Amino acid sequence: AALLSVWALPLLTEGLVVVRFAGWYVELRVIVALALIVLLCLGLWGVVWLWRLPGNVVRNWVEKRAQAQLELGMLALSEGDFAKAEKALTKSAPHSMTPALNYLAAAQAAQGKGKESSRDKYLDRADSTPKAKRPVQLTRAELLIASGDLASAREILEALDDKSNRPRVLGLLARCYRNQEDWHALGQLAPRLKKAQVVDEEAADELERRGYKHGLASAEQWSELDSRWSELPKPLRAAPDMLAAYGTAAASLDKGSEVELLLRKTLRKNWSDEVASVWSELPSATPEKRRKQLQAWLKDLADNAIVQYAAGQDCAAQQQWDEAVAHFERSLDLDATARASEALGYARERSGNITAAAQAYKRALALAAGREPEPLMLPEGPADEDQSEVSDQAVEPDAQFDEASPETDEGSSDEDAHDDNSRHQAH
């Protein structure tokens, strides 16, 4: 700039500008002509500014008033005064510098009043602003979740989800899935929730496990269950709670024999009461190998209630009722459960001990209801036959009755004595 000034200054001071107009000639030095041009531009700008001044003053006043109305509406909305908030926000929206914010807040106020039609109208007006389309859709989804329209909210959020792990979208999706109790979808979303830091690692892991468990439990066909089990991460497929859920789901589909071997192999490596409890109820495609393994566990885990219960079930399957009763009673001694008491009642019933079976069933009902059961005190013998023998002995008191009866009068005839004896015997 300095070099240009040194070069141009002599030209500006030496040169002339000639203006010829309507017979007039005006000669000006170049620097003077430039100064006049600048002054002319400043004059024109001043005229335009003065021309626009009234409109600018009015516009600034309107915008300040709109800003004040926006502030008033937001404060009323935070206080729960939805009618006042809606009035202030909609009144100032046409003149606001941020009309989309006005309409979004007005939509919240309309929902607070229970006017869903007004809410949708305000959201549509806010959506007319190109830059506000995504925030408007998020707000729409949030309001739909709050109003209970979960299906519509889910459709909007899944359309907005571009797999870029936006926290706002993922958080609303998680709320929608949780309210719908779609634990399977929530479990699949859990890793992304953790990555986006919407939830911490512990909560994400819990959501993931719960989602997978629900997915296993809700399977309606064996192919669907097997597919969902294959989708599980490898560490989860070794978790006891997942194996138990898998076995329970298979049993409900009458496919317990398909997973019995898997659970048995898992128990052989790492014992788990939770898995064993499910395994004990499952049928086996290889009963002899199952029985051999069970005998080994009876030696190593004789004081485990679940092992004793499983042994009782195995004996019952072979109709060895006395052995089954012994195992079930041992299981109840170690851990009183409703299912062991019910199985004991069935085994006693099959062995002919009806009274003791009834008591075991009664105890099972008490355990299932959470009440303290009465102890089992009846003997194991065939009590019903003993009672019948006692009853037979109790109806033969003729000799004792005759000895205790008063003697007949000497003057009575043999027929009268015979009649008295007959009456006594009949009595």
Protein backbone atom coordinates (compact mmCIF):
# COMPACT_ATOMS: atom_id res chain seq x y z
CA ALA A 1 0.00 0.00 0.00
CA ALA A 2 2.89 2.34 0.77
CA LEU A 3 4.55 1.66 -2.60
CA LEU A 4 1.24 2.16 -4.39
CA SER A 5 0.72 5.49 -2.63
CA VAL A 6 4.20 6.71 -3.56
CA TRP A 7 3.55 5.76 -7.19
CA ALA A 8 -0.02 7.06 -7.47
CA LEU A 9 0.23 10.28 -5.48
CA PRO A 10 2.10 12.24 -8.20
CA LEU A 11 -0.44 11.09 -10.77
CA LEU A 12 -3.35 12.24 -8.58
CA THR A 13 -1.82 15.64 -7.97
CA GLU A 14 -0.74 16.28 -11.56
CA GLY A 15 -3.66 14.82 -13.51
CA LEU A 16 -6.88 16.70 -14.45
CA VAL A 17 -10.45 15.58 -14.82
CA VAL A 18 -12.58 17.45 -17.36
CA VAL A 19 -16.36 17.32 -17.08
CA ARG A 20 -18.38 18.58 -20.03
CA PHE A 21 -22.10 19.02 -19.47
CA ALA A 22 -24.71 21.26 -21.20
CA GLY A 23 -22.04 23.63 -22.52
CA TRP A 24 -20.21 23.76 -19.24
CA TYR A 25 -16.65 22.65 -18.81
CA VAL A 26 -15.31 21.83 -15.43
CA GLU A 27 -11.69 20.99 -14.85
CA LEU A 28 -10.74 19.33 -11.59
CA ARG A 29 -7.65 17.77 -10.29
CA VAL A 30 -7.96 14.01 -9.98
CA ILE A 31 -7.70 13.97 -6.19
CA VAL A 32 -10.43 16.59 -5.90
CA ALA A 33 -12.68 14.63 -8.24
CA LEU A 34 -12.21 11.51 -6.17
CA ALA A 35 -13.02 13.41 -2.98
CA LEU A 36 -16.21 14.76 -4.55
CA ILE A 37 -17.24 11.23 -5.62
CA VAL A 38 -16.75 9.98 -2.07
CA LEU A 39 -18.79 12.84 -0.66
CA LEU A 40 -21.54 12.16 -3.20
CA CYS A 41 -21.71 8.48 -2.16
CA LEU A 42 -21.86 9.46 1.49
CA GLY A 43 -24.63 11.88 0.74
CA LEU A 44 -26.67 9.28 -1.13
CA TRP A 45 -26.18 6.77 1.71
CA GLY A 46 -27.34 9.42 4.20
CA VAL A 47 -30.48 10.08 2.18
CA VAL A 48 -31.29 6.35 2.03
CA TRP A 49 -30.64 5.99 5.79
CA LEU A 50 -32.98 8.87 6.55
CA TRP A 51 -35.59 7.34 4.26
CA ARG A 52 -35.40 4.01 6.05
CA LEU A 53 -35.07 5.39 9.53
CA PRO A 54 -38.80 5.31 10.51
CA GLY A 55 -39.21 1.72 9.31
CA ASN A 56 -36.07 0.59 11.12
CA VAL A 57 -37.22 2.19 14.33
CA VAL A 58 -40.59 0.47 14.12
CA ARG A 59 -38.99 -2.86 13.19
CA ASN A 60 -36.57 -2.72 16.10
CA TRP A 61 -39.39 -1.92 18.47
CA VAL A 62 -41.46 -4.82 17.17
CA GLU A 63 -38.53 -7.25 17.42
CA LYS A 64 -37.77 -6.19 20.98
CA ARG A 65 -41.40 -6.64 21.88
CA ALA A 66 -41.42 -10.06 20.24
CA GLN A 67 -38.29 -10.99 22.17
CA ALA A 68 -39.97 -9.91 25.39
CA GLN A 69 -43.05 -11.96 24.51
CA LEU A 70 -40.85 -14.98 23.78
CA GLU A 71 -39.19 -14.63 27.16
CA LEU A 72 -42.57 -14.22 28.84
CA GLY A 73 -43.93 -17.28 27.06
CA MET A 74 -40.94 -19.46 27.95
CA LEU A 75 -41.18 -18.44 31.61
CA ALA A 76 -44.91 -19.19 31.65
CA LEU A 77 -44.23 -22.56 30.01
CA SER A 78 -41.65 -23.46 32.65
CA GLU A 79 -44.17 -22.56 35.37
CA GLY A 80 -46.89 -24.70 33.80
CA ASP A 81 -49.14 -21.77 32.80
CA PHE A 82 -49.82 -23.26 29.37
CA ALA A 83 -52.59 -20.90 28.32
CA LYS A 84 -50.51 -17.79 29.00
CA ALA A 85 -47.48 -19.38 27.35
CA GLU A 86 -49.37 -20.32 24.18
CA LYS A 87 -50.85 -16.84 23.84
CA ALA A 88 -47.53 -15.05 24.29
CA LEU A 89 -45.58 -17.37 22.00
CA THR A 90 -48.03 -17.39 19.10
CA LYS A 91 -48.56 -13.64 19.32
CA SER A 92 -44.87 -12.90 18.96
CA ALA A 93 -44.01 -15.64 16.44
CA PRO A 94 -44.70 -13.66 13.21
CA HIS A 95 -42.38 -10.86 14.34
CA SER A 96 -39.73 -13.00 16.05
CA MET A 97 -36.24 -13.44 14.66
CA THR A 98 -36.56 -17.14 15.56
CA PRO A 99 -40.15 -18.09 14.73
CA ALA A 100 -39.38 -21.83 14.79
CA LEU A 101 -38.49 -21.61 18.49
CA ASN A 102 -41.77 -19.82 19.20
CA TYR A 103 -43.83 -22.48 17.47
CA LEU A 104 -41.92 -25.36 19.07
CA ALA A 105 -42.53 -23.90 22.52
CA ALA A 106 -46.16 -23.17 21.60
CA ALA A 107 -46.57 -26.83 20.59
CA GLN A 108 -45.40 -27.89 24.04
CA ALA A 109 -47.84 -25.48 25.65
CA ALA A 110 -50.70 -26.81 23.48
CA GLN A 111 -49.89 -30.37 24.51
CA GLY A 112 -49.87 -29.27 28.12
CA LYS A 113 -53.42 -28.04 27.59
CA GLY A 114 -54.38 -31.32 25.93
CA LYS A 115 -54.97 -29.75 22.49
CA GLU A 116 -53.24 -32.16 20.13
CA SER A 117 -54.68 -30.52 17.01
CA SER A 118 -53.16 -27.16 17.99
CA ARG A 119 -49.91 -28.90 18.81
CA ASP A 120 -49.69 -30.45 15.36
CA LYS A 121 -50.55 -27.09 13.74
CA TYR A 122 -47.71 -25.32 15.53
CA LEU A 123 -45.29 -28.10 14.68
CA ASP A 124 -46.22 -27.84 11.00
CA ARG A 125 -45.57 -24.09 11.08
CA ALA A 126 -42.20 -24.63 12.72
CA ASP A 127 -41.38 -27.30 10.13
CA SER A 128 -41.71 -24.72 7.34
CA THR A 129 -38.29 -23.34 8.32
CA PRO A 130 -35.69 -25.35 6.33
CA LYS A 131 -33.01 -25.38 9.05
CA ALA A 132 -35.48 -26.46 11.72
CA LYS A 133 -36.78 -29.66 10.12
CA ARG A 134 -34.70 -32.10 12.19
CA PRO A 135 -35.23 -30.34 15.56
CA VAL A 136 -38.93 -30.09 14.80
CA GLN A 137 -39.19 -33.81 14.09
CA LEU A 138 -37.33 -34.61 17.32
CA THR A 139 -39.68 -32.37 19.27
CA ARG A 140 -42.65 -33.97 17.55
CA ALA A 141 -41.42 -37.43 18.51
CA GLU A 142 -40.82 -36.38 22.11
CA LEU A 143 -44.32 -34.93 22.40
CA LEU A 144 -45.82 -38.07 20.83
CA ILE A 145 -44.02 -40.23 23.39
CA ALA A 146 -45.33 -38.03 26.20
CA SER A 147 -48.88 -38.31 24.84
CA GLY A 148 -48.64 -42.11 24.50
CA ASP A 149 -48.57 -42.34 20.69
CA LEU A 150 -45.53 -44.59 20.74
CA ALA A 151 -46.01 -46.13 17.30
CA SER A 152 -45.92 -42.75 15.53
CA ALA A 153 -42.98 -41.58 17.62
CA ARG A 154 -41.06 -44.76 16.83
CA GLU A 155 -41.65 -44.35 13.12
CA ILE A 156 -40.31 -40.77 13.19
CA LEU A 157 -37.26 -41.62 15.30
CA GLU A 158 -36.28 -44.66 13.25
CA ALA A 159 -36.48 -42.48 10.13
CA LEU A 160 -34.22 -39.88 11.79
CA ASP A 161 -31.73 -42.50 12.98
CA ASP A 162 -28.92 -42.41 10.43
CA LYS A 163 -26.68 -44.73 12.50
CA SER A 164 -24.43 -41.80 13.40
CA ASN A 165 -25.16 -42.30 17.13
CA ARG A 166 -26.71 -38.92 17.79
CA PRO A 167 -27.42 -38.85 21.54
CA ARG A 168 -30.75 -37.05 21.24
CA VAL A 169 -32.16 -39.54 18.72
CA LEU A 170 -30.85 -42.58 20.58
CA GLY A 171 -32.15 -41.32 23.92
CA LEU A 172 -35.67 -40.83 22.56
CA LEU A 173 -35.54 -44.21 20.80
CA ALA A 174 -34.56 -45.86 24.08
CA ARG A 175 -37.50 -44.19 25.84
CA CYS A 176 -39.86 -45.31 23.11
CA TYR A 177 -38.65 -48.94 23.21
CA ARG A 178 -38.81 -49.01 27.01
CA ASN A 179 -42.36 -47.64 27.08
CA GLN A 180 -43.36 -50.20 24.45
CA GLU A 181 -41.59 -52.89 26.51
CA ASP A 182 -39.74 -53.94 23.38
CA TRP A 183 -36.76 -55.23 25.34
CA HIS A 184 -35.32 -57.07 22.36
CA ALA A 185 -34.99 -53.84 20.34
CA LEU A 186 -33.71 -52.00 23.41
CA GLY A 187 -31.05 -54.67 23.94
CA GLN A 188 -29.85 -54.29 20.36
CA LEU A 189 -29.70 -50.50 20.85
CA ALA A 190 -27.71 -50.76 24.10
CA PRO A 191 -24.18 -50.83 22.55
CA ARG A 192 -24.92 -47.64 20.61
CA LEU A 193 -26.34 -46.01 23.75
CA LYS A 194 -23.07 -46.79 25.51
CA LYS A 195 -20.98 -45.50 22.59
CA ALA A 196 -22.95 -42.24 22.47
CA GLN A 197 -22.64 -41.94 26.28
CA VAL A 198 -26.41 -41.79 26.69
CA VAL A 199 -26.10 -44.36 29.51
CA ASP A 200 -23.09 -45.64 31.41
CA GLU A 201 -21.46 -48.99 30.70
CA GLU A 202 -23.17 -50.83 33.53
CA ALA A 203 -26.66 -49.68 32.54
CA ALA A 204 -25.97 -50.50 28.89
CA ASP A 205 -24.86 -54.02 29.76
CA GLU A 206 -27.97 -54.55 31.87
CA LEU A 207 -30.21 -53.31 29.05
CA GLU A 208 -28.43 -55.58 26.59
CA ARG A 209 -28.86 -58.67 28.80
CA ARG A 210 -32.49 -57.87 29.51
CA GLY A 211 -33.19 -57.34 25.84
CA TYR A 212 -31.64 -60.63 24.81
CA LYS A 213 -33.48 -62.49 27.59
CA HIS A 214 -36.78 -61.04 26.48
CA GLY A 215 -35.99 -61.93 22.90
CA LEU A 216 -35.43 -65.56 23.89
CA ALA A 217 -38.56 -65.69 26.03
CA SER A 218 -40.78 -64.14 23.35
CA ALA A 219 -39.77 -66.54 20.56
CA GLU A 220 -42.84 -68.32 19.21
CA GLN A 221 -41.10 -71.00 17.14
CA TRP A 222 -38.04 -73.15 17.62
CA SER A 223 -36.35 -71.74 14.49
CA GLU A 224 -36.86 -68.21 15.82
CA LEU A 225 -35.46 -69.15 19.22
CA ASP A 226 -32.45 -70.90 17.71
CA SER A 227 -31.77 -67.89 15.47
CA ARG A 228 -31.91 -65.45 18.39
CA TRP A 229 -29.60 -67.67 20.42
CA SER A 230 -27.10 -67.65 17.57
CA GLU A 231 -27.25 -63.83 17.44
CA LEU A 232 -26.07 -63.54 21.05
CA PRO A 233 -22.45 -62.46 21.56
CA LYS A 234 -20.26 -65.41 22.52
CA PRO A 235 -19.61 -64.21 26.12
CA LEU A 236 -23.36 -63.95 26.75
CA ARG A 237 -23.97 -67.47 25.47
CA ALA A 238 -21.76 -68.73 28.30
CA ALA A 239 -23.55 -66.67 30.96
CA PRO A 240 -25.67 -68.76 33.39
CA ASP A 241 -28.69 -66.47 33.26
CA MET A 242 -28.73 -66.60 29.46
CA LEU A 243 -28.41 -70.39 29.42
CA ALA A 244 -31.27 -70.63 31.92
CA ALA A 245 -33.42 -68.33 29.81
CA TYR A 246 -32.60 -70.38 26.70
CA GLY A 247 -33.55 -73.65 28.42
CA THR A 248 -36.79 -72.21 29.80
CA ALA A 249 -37.79 -70.87 26.38
CA ALA A 250 -36.99 -74.21 24.74
CA ALA A 251 -39.08 -76.06 27.33
CA SER A 252 -42.04 -73.80 26.64
CA LEU A 253 -41.80 -74.78 22.96
CA ASP A 254 -41.53 -78.51 23.83
CA LYS A 255 -37.95 -78.52 22.59
CA GLY A 256 -36.23 -79.09 25.90
CA SER A 257 -34.36 -82.13 24.62
CA GLU A 258 -32.69 -79.91 22.00
CA VAL A 259 -30.84 -77.88 24.65
CA GLU A 260 -30.51 -80.41 27.49
CA LEU A 261 -27.11 -81.63 26.29
CA LEU A 262 -25.79 -78.06 26.00
CA LEU A 263 -26.83 -77.29 29.57
CA ARG A 264 -25.41 -80.58 30.83
CA LYS A 265 -22.03 -79.93 29.21
CA THR A 266 -22.00 -76.42 30.67
CA LEU A 267 -22.76 -77.75 34.14
CA ARG A 268 -20.01 -80.31 33.81
CA LYS A 269 -17.49 -77.50 33.24
CA ASN A 270 -18.95 -74.78 35.48
CA TRP A 271 -21.67 -75.67 37.96
CA SER A 272 -24.53 -73.16 38.35
CA ASP A 273 -27.64 -73.69 40.45
CA GLU A 274 -29.59 -71.42 38.12
CA VAL A 275 -28.74 -73.51 35.06
CA ALA A 276 -29.13 -76.78 36.97
CA SER A 277 -32.61 -75.80 38.12
CA VAL A 278 -33.72 -75.46 34.50
CA TRP A 279 -31.79 -78.52 33.34
CA SER A 280 -33.48 -80.74 35.95
CA GLU A 281 -36.85 -80.18 34.25
CA LEU A 282 -35.73 -80.89 30.69
CA PRO A 283 -36.14 -84.22 28.90
CA SER A 284 -33.04 -85.77 27.36
CA ALA A 285 -32.34 -87.30 23.99
CA THR A 286 -29.68 -89.48 25.68
CA PRO A 287 -31.25 -90.55 28.99
CA GLU A 288 -28.60 -93.13 29.82
CA LYS A 289 -25.77 -90.62 29.56
CA ARG A 290 -27.82 -88.11 31.53
CA ARG A 291 -28.39 -90.72 34.26
CA LYS A 292 -24.68 -91.56 34.37
CA GLN A 293 -23.77 -87.91 34.78
CA LEU A 294 -26.42 -87.49 37.45
CA GLN A 295 -24.97 -90.39 39.45
CA ALA A 296 -21.58 -88.70 39.34
CA TRP A 297 -23.08 -85.47 40.63
CA LEU A 298 -24.85 -87.36 43.43
CA LYS A 299 -21.42 -88.40 44.69
CA ASP A 300 -19.82 -84.96 44.41
CA LEU A 301 -22.86 -82.79 45.17
CA ALA A 302 -24.94 -84.94 47.49
CA ASP A 303 -25.92 -81.92 49.60
CA ASN A 304 -27.24 -79.94 46.65
CA ALA A 305 -31.04 -79.67 46.67
CA ILE A 306 -31.26 -79.37 42.87
CA VAL A 307 -29.19 -82.52 42.31
CA GLN A 308 -31.43 -84.44 44.72
CA TYR A 309 -34.52 -83.10 42.95
CA ALA A 310 -33.12 -84.08 39.54
CA ALA A 311 -32.39 -87.57 40.89
CA GLY A 312 -35.95 -87.83 42.14
CA GLN A 313 -37.25 -86.82 38.72
CA ASP A 314 -35.09 -89.48 37.10
CA CYS A 315 -36.37 -92.16 39.48
CA ALA A 316 -39.95 -91.03 38.88
CA ALA A 317 -39.42 -91.35 35.12
CA GLN A 318 -38.44 -94.98 35.76
CA GLN A 319 -41.43 -95.44 38.14
CA GLN A 320 -39.12 -96.13 41.07
CA TRP A 321 -41.41 -94.35 43.48
CA ASP A 322 -39.76 -95.24 46.78
CA GLU A 323 -36.37 -93.99 45.57
CA ALA A 324 -38.04 -90.89 44.11
CA VAL A 325 -39.69 -90.17 47.47
CA ALA A 326 -36.34 -90.45 49.24
CA HIS A 327 -34.63 -88.00 46.84
CA PHE A 328 -37.49 -85.49 46.99
CA GLU A 329 -37.52 -85.57 50.78
CA ARG A 330 -33.77 -84.99 50.84
CA SER A 331 -34.18 -82.08 48.45
CA LEU A 332 -36.86 -80.55 50.71
CA ASP A 333 -34.60 -80.93 53.72
CA LEU A 334 -31.87 -79.00 51.93
CA ASP A 335 -34.13 -76.34 50.36
CA ALA A 336 -37.92 -76.30 50.71
CA THR A 337 -39.39 -75.45 47.30
CA ALA A 338 -42.90 -75.74 45.95
CA ARG A 339 -41.89 -77.86 42.96
CA ALA A 340 -40.03 -80.43 45.12
CA SER A 341 -43.00 -80.68 47.49
CA GLU A 342 -45.40 -81.13 44.58
CA ALA A 343 -43.16 -83.82 43.06
CA LEU A 344 -43.02 -85.53 46.45
CA GLY A 345 -46.83 -85.53 46.62
CA TYR A 346 -47.09 -87.12 43.18
CA ALA A 347 -44.51 -89.81 44.07
CA ARG A 348 -46.32 -90.63 47.33
CA GLU A 349 -49.63 -90.75 45.49
CA ARG A 350 -48.23 -93.19 42.95
CA SER A 351 -46.80 -95.35 45.72
CA GLY A 352 -50.25 -95.55 47.35
CA ASN A 353 -49.71 -93.24 50.32
CA ILE A 354 -52.66 -90.95 49.63
CA THR A 355 -52.80 -89.15 52.98
CA ALA A 356 -49.11 -88.27 52.96
CA ALA A 357 -49.44 -87.19 49.31
CA ALA A 358 -52.24 -84.80 50.27
CA GLN A 359 -50.06 -83.28 52.96
CA ALA A 360 -47.19 -82.79 50.49
CA TYR A 361 -49.54 -81.09 48.02
CA LYS A 362 -50.78 -78.83 50.81
CA ARG A 363 -47.20 -77.93 51.67
CA ALA A 364 -46.49 -77.15 48.01
CA LEU A 365 -49.41 -74.70 47.94
CA ALA A 366 -48.13 -73.02 51.09
CA LEU A 367 -44.62 -72.67 49.65
CA ALA A 368 -45.98 -71.30 46.37
CA ALA A 369 -47.98 -68.71 48.30
CA GLY A 370 -44.96 -67.71 50.37
CA ARG A 371 -46.33 -69.06 53.66
CA GLU A 372 -44.40 -71.09 56.21
CA PRO A 373 -45.37 -74.75 55.58
CA GLU A 374 -46.15 -77.26 58.27
CA PRO A 375 -43.54 -80.04 58.74
CA LEU A 376 -44.13 -83.44 57.19
CA MET A 377 -44.82 -85.78 60.11
CA LEU A 378 -46.77 -88.69 58.62
CA PRO A 379 -45.06 -92.07 58.36
CA GLU A 380 -44.15 -93.61 55.04
CA GLY A 381 -46.18 -96.81 55.62
CA PRO A 382 -49.52 -97.54 53.95
CA ALA A 383 -51.52 -95.54 56.48
CA ASP A 384 -54.84 -96.12 54.74
CA GLU A 385 -54.66 -99.92 55.33
CA ASP A 386 -53.69 -99.45 58.99
CA GLN A 387 -56.69 -97.22 59.57
CA SER A 388 -58.99 -99.79 57.99
CA GLU A 389 -57.69 -102.49 60.37
CA VAL A 390 -58.27 -100.27 63.38
CA SER A 391 -61.79 -99.59 62.18
CA ASP A 392 -62.48 -103.35 61.88
CA GLN A 393 -61.34 -103.93 65.45
CA ALA A 394 -63.39 -101.07 66.76
CA VAL A 395 -66.70 -102.59 65.62
CA GLU A 396 -66.32 -105.90 67.60
CA PRO A 397 -67.17 -105.03 71.24
CA ASP A 398 -69.89 -107.71 71.68
CA ALA A 399 -68.21 -109.73 74.44
CA GLN A 400 -67.15 -106.66 76.39
CA PHE A 401 -70.57 -105.13 75.99
CA ASP A 402 -72.25 -108.34 77.26
CA GLU A 403 -70.03 -108.49 80.36
CA ALA A 404 -70.74 -104.90 81.19
CA SER A 405 -74.52 -105.23 80.64
CA PRO A 406 -76.80 -105.69 83.71
CA GLU A 407 -77.96 -109.21 84.60
CA THR A 408 -81.50 -110.21 83.71
CA ASP A 409 -84.11 -110.65 86.45
CA GLU A 410 -84.54 -114.18 87.80
CA GLY A 411 -88.26 -114.06 87.03
CA SER A 412 -87.81 -113.24 83.41
CA SER A 413 -88.35 -115.96 80.88
CA ASP A 414 -85.73 -117.34 78.45
CA GLU A 415 -87.50 -115.55 75.56
CA ASP A 416 -87.21 -112.18 77.34
CA ALA A 417 -83.50 -112.79 77.98
CA HIS A 418 -83.02 -113.75 74.33
CA ASP A 419 -84.87 -110.60 73.22
CA ASP A 420 -82.64 -108.43 75.47
CA ASN A 421 -79.48 -109.99 74.06
CA SER A 422 -80.75 -109.43 70.54
CA ARG A 423 -81.44 -105.75 71.26
CA HIS A 424 -77.98 -105.32 72.80
CA GLN A 425 -76.32 -106.89 69.78
CA ALA A 426 -78.38 -104.79 67.41
CA HIS A 427 -77.39 -101.70 69.34
